[in-house]
Amino acid sequence: MKAFWLLAVGALLAIFIIQNWQQPSPPVQFLGFHFLPLPQSVIILGSFLSGFLAGWVANVFRVRKNQQETPSEQPPEP
């Protein structure tokens, strides 16, 4: 299932890159939709923030999964 989602995200990213290859400056289009013209700095910062948030969310899920798999140790009773 994870491979399917990675392929789907990769395909959407490829579509985005192909549609915007000849346009180094806005307007941005994606899947036939045209977005408002944005300054390149906003696009770059938005890409950075979305990547940062995706990594942070993946890390949170990994930590929770590891905490659920490892049994909590109880301290020895005196």
N, C-alpha and C. Protein backbone atom coordinates (compact mmCIF):
# COMPACT_ATOMS: atom_id res chain seq x y z
N MET A 1 0.83 -1.19 0.00
CA MET A 1 0.00 0.00 0.00
C MET A 1 0.88 1.26 0.00
N LYS A 2 1.99 1.19 0.75
CA LYS A 2 2.89 2.33 0.81
C LYS A 2 3.47 2.62 -0.57
N ALA A 3 3.80 1.57 -1.31
CA ALA A 3 4.36 1.74 -2.66
C ALA A 3 3.34 2.41 -3.58
N PHE A 4 2.08 2.05 -3.44
CA PHE A 4 1.03 2.67 -4.27
C PHE A 4 0.96 4.17 -4.01
N TRP A 5 0.99 4.56 -2.75
CA TRP A 5 0.91 5.98 -2.41
C TRP A 5 2.15 6.74 -2.90
N LEU A 6 3.31 6.10 -2.80
CA LEU A 6 4.52 6.74 -3.30
C LEU A 6 4.47 6.92 -4.81
N LEU A 7 3.95 5.92 -5.52
CA LEU A 7 3.80 6.05 -6.98
C LEU A 7 2.79 7.13 -7.33
N ALA A 8 1.69 7.22 -6.59
CA ALA A 8 0.68 8.24 -6.87
C ALA A 8 1.25 9.64 -6.65
N VAL A 9 1.96 9.83 -5.56
CA VAL A 9 2.55 11.14 -5.28
C VAL A 9 3.62 11.47 -6.31
N GLY A 10 4.41 10.47 -6.70
CA GLY A 10 5.42 10.68 -7.73
C GLY A 10 4.81 11.06 -9.07
N ALA A 11 3.69 10.44 -9.42
CA ALA A 11 3.01 10.77 -10.68
C ALA A 11 2.47 12.19 -10.64
N LEU A 12 1.87 12.59 -9.53
CA LEU A 12 1.36 13.96 -9.41
C LEU A 12 2.50 14.97 -9.47
N LEU A 13 3.61 14.65 -8.85
CA LEU A 13 4.76 15.54 -8.90
C LEU A 13 5.31 15.65 -10.32
N ALA A 14 5.34 14.53 -11.03
CA ALA A 14 5.81 14.55 -12.42
C ALA A 14 4.88 15.40 -13.30
N ILE A 15 3.58 15.29 -13.10
CA ILE A 15 2.62 16.10 -13.86
C ILE A 15 2.86 17.58 -13.58
N PHE A 16 3.06 17.92 -12.32
CA PHE A 16 3.31 19.30 -11.94
C PHE A 16 4.57 19.84 -12.62
N ILE A 17 5.64 19.04 -12.59
CA ILE A 17 6.90 19.48 -13.18
C ILE A 17 6.78 19.65 -14.69
N ILE A 18 6.14 18.71 -15.35
CA ILE A 18 6.00 18.78 -16.81
C ILE A 18 5.16 19.99 -17.22
N GLN A 19 4.07 20.25 -16.51
CA GLN A 19 3.19 21.36 -16.88
C GLN A 19 3.85 22.71 -16.64
N ASN A 20 4.77 22.81 -15.71
CA ASN A 20 5.37 24.09 -15.37
C ASN A 20 6.83 24.20 -15.81
N TRP A 21 7.32 23.27 -16.64
CA TRP A 21 8.71 23.27 -17.04
C TRP A 21 9.08 24.51 -17.83
N GLN A 22 8.23 24.94 -18.75
CA GLN A 22 8.54 26.06 -19.62
C GLN A 22 8.21 27.40 -18.98
N GLN A 23 7.67 27.39 -17.80
CA GLN A 23 7.26 28.62 -17.14
C GLN A 23 8.06 28.80 -15.85
N PRO A 24 9.23 29.39 -15.92
CA PRO A 24 10.01 29.55 -14.70
C PRO A 24 9.39 30.54 -13.72
N SER A 25 8.49 31.36 -14.20
CA SER A 25 7.79 32.27 -13.30
C SER A 25 6.29 31.99 -13.41
N PRO A 26 5.52 32.38 -12.41
CA PRO A 26 4.09 32.13 -12.41
C PRO A 26 3.41 32.64 -13.67
N PRO A 27 2.26 32.22 -14.08
CA PRO A 27 1.24 31.51 -13.31
C PRO A 27 1.53 30.01 -13.18
N VAL A 28 1.09 29.43 -12.09
CA VAL A 28 1.29 28.02 -11.81
C VAL A 28 0.03 27.28 -12.21
N GLN A 29 0.21 26.14 -12.87
CA GLN A 29 -0.93 25.30 -13.22
C GLN A 29 -0.67 23.89 -12.73
N PHE A 30 -1.74 23.20 -12.37
CA PHE A 30 -1.64 21.83 -11.86
C PHE A 30 -2.93 21.10 -12.19
N LEU A 31 -2.81 19.99 -12.92
CA LEU A 31 -3.95 19.18 -13.34
C LEU A 31 -5.01 20.01 -14.07
N GLY A 32 -4.59 20.96 -14.85
CA GLY A 32 -5.51 21.78 -15.63
C GLY A 32 -6.05 22.99 -14.90
N PHE A 33 -5.78 23.10 -13.62
CA PHE A 33 -6.24 24.26 -12.85
C PHE A 33 -5.16 25.33 -12.89
N HIS A 34 -5.57 26.57 -13.06
CA HIS A 34 -4.64 27.69 -13.05
C HIS A 34 -4.77 28.43 -11.73
N PHE A 35 -3.65 28.61 -11.05
CA PHE A 35 -3.65 29.30 -9.78
C PHE A 35 -3.26 30.76 -9.98
N LEU A 36 -3.53 31.56 -8.99
CA LEU A 36 -3.18 32.98 -9.07
C LEU A 36 -1.67 33.13 -9.22
N PRO A 37 -1.24 34.15 -9.92
CA PRO A 37 0.21 34.36 -10.00
C PRO A 37 0.80 34.61 -8.61
N LEU A 38 1.84 33.88 -8.30
CA LEU A 38 2.49 34.00 -7.00
C LEU A 38 3.95 34.38 -7.20
N PRO A 39 4.51 35.16 -6.31
CA PRO A 39 5.95 35.43 -6.38
C PRO A 39 6.73 34.13 -6.18
N GLN A 40 7.89 34.03 -6.81
CA GLN A 40 8.67 32.81 -6.70
C GLN A 40 9.09 32.53 -5.26
N SER A 41 9.30 33.57 -4.48
CA SER A 41 9.69 33.34 -3.09
C SER A 41 8.58 32.63 -2.32
N VAL A 42 7.33 32.95 -2.61
CA VAL A 42 6.21 32.28 -1.93
C VAL A 42 6.14 30.82 -2.35
N ILE A 43 6.39 30.55 -3.62
CA ILE A 43 6.36 29.17 -4.10
C ILE A 43 7.49 28.37 -3.45
N ILE A 44 8.68 28.94 -3.38
CA ILE A 44 9.82 28.24 -2.79
C ILE A 44 9.58 28.00 -1.30
N LEU A 45 9.12 29.00 -0.59
CA LEU A 45 8.86 28.82 0.85
C LEU A 45 7.72 27.84 1.10
N GLY A 46 6.71 27.88 0.25
CA GLY A 46 5.61 26.92 0.38
C GLY A 46 6.07 25.49 0.16
N SER A 47 6.95 25.29 -0.81
CA SER A 47 7.50 23.96 -1.06
C SER A 47 8.34 23.50 0.13
N PHE A 48 9.15 24.40 0.66
CA PHE A 48 9.97 24.06 1.82
C PHE A 48 9.09 23.69 3.02
N LEU A 49 8.08 24.50 3.29
CA LEU A 49 7.21 24.23 4.44
C LEU A 49 6.43 22.93 4.28
N SER A 50 5.93 22.65 3.07
CA SER A 50 5.18 21.41 2.87
C SER A 50 6.11 20.19 3.06
N GLY A 51 7.34 20.28 2.58
CA GLY A 51 8.29 19.18 2.79
C GLY A 51 8.65 19.02 4.25
N PHE A 52 8.84 20.12 4.95
CA PHE A 52 9.16 20.06 6.38
C PHE A 52 8.01 19.43 7.16
N LEU A 53 6.79 19.85 6.86
CA LEU A 53 5.63 19.30 7.56
C LEU A 53 5.44 17.82 7.26
N ALA A 54 5.66 17.41 6.03
CA ALA A 54 5.54 15.99 5.68
C ALA A 54 6.55 15.15 6.45
N GLY A 55 7.78 15.62 6.54
CA GLY A 55 8.80 14.90 7.30
C GLY A 55 8.49 14.86 8.78
N TRP A 56 7.98 15.96 9.30
CA TRP A 56 7.65 16.01 10.73
C TRP A 56 6.51 15.05 11.06
N VAL A 57 5.48 15.04 10.22
CA VAL A 57 4.33 14.14 10.45
C VAL A 57 4.78 12.68 10.34
N ALA A 58 5.62 12.36 9.35
CA ALA A 58 6.12 10.99 9.21
C ALA A 58 6.92 10.59 10.45
N ASN A 59 7.71 11.49 10.98
CA ASN A 59 8.50 11.20 12.18
C ASN A 59 7.58 10.96 13.39
N VAL A 60 6.55 11.74 13.53
CA VAL A 60 5.61 11.57 14.65
C VAL A 60 4.96 10.19 14.58
N PHE A 61 4.52 9.78 13.37
CA PHE A 61 3.89 8.47 13.23
C PHE A 61 4.88 7.34 13.51
N ARG A 62 6.14 7.51 13.11
CA ARG A 62 7.14 6.48 13.35
C ARG A 62 7.42 6.35 14.84
N VAL A 63 7.51 7.47 15.55
CA VAL A 63 7.76 7.43 16.99
C VAL A 63 6.59 6.78 17.71
N ARG A 64 5.38 7.11 17.32
CA ARG A 64 4.21 6.48 17.96
C ARG A 64 4.18 4.98 17.72
N LYS A 65 4.52 4.56 16.49
CA LYS A 65 4.52 3.14 16.18
C LYS A 65 5.58 2.42 17.01
N ASN A 66 6.75 3.01 17.15
CA ASN A 66 7.80 2.39 17.95
C ASN A 66 7.42 2.32 19.43
N GLN A 67 6.73 3.32 19.93
CA GLN A 67 6.31 3.31 21.33
C GLN A 67 5.25 2.23 21.58
N GLN A 68 4.39 1.99 20.61
CA GLN A 68 3.36 0.97 20.78
C GLN A 68 3.94 -0.44 20.66
N GLU A 69 4.99 -0.61 19.86
CA GLU A 69 5.58 -1.94 19.68
C GLU A 69 6.44 -2.36 20.86
N THR A 70 7.13 -1.42 21.51
CA THR A 70 7.99 -1.78 22.63
C THR A 70 7.18 -1.71 23.92
N PRO A 71 7.17 -2.82 24.66
CA PRO A 71 6.43 -2.81 25.94
C PRO A 71 7.15 -1.90 26.95
N SER A 72 6.36 -1.19 27.69
CA SER A 72 6.96 -0.31 28.70
C SER A 72 7.45 -1.16 29.88
N GLU A 73 8.65 -0.87 30.32
CA GLU A 73 9.23 -1.61 31.42
C GLU A 73 8.77 -1.01 32.74
N GLN A 74 8.39 -1.87 33.64
CA GLN A 74 7.97 -1.41 34.96
C GLN A 74 9.17 -1.43 35.89
N PRO A 75 9.33 -0.42 36.71
CA PRO A 75 10.47 -0.43 37.63
C PRO A 75 10.33 -1.55 38.67
N PRO A 76 11.46 -2.13 39.10
CA PRO A 76 11.37 -3.22 40.10
C PRO A 76 10.84 -2.69 41.43
N GLU A 77 10.05 -3.53 42.07
CA GLU A 77 9.48 -3.15 43.35
C GLU A 77 10.49 -3.40 44.46
N PRO A 78 10.57 -2.50 45.44
CA PRO A 78 11.57 -2.69 46.54
C PRO A 78 11.20 -3.78 47.51
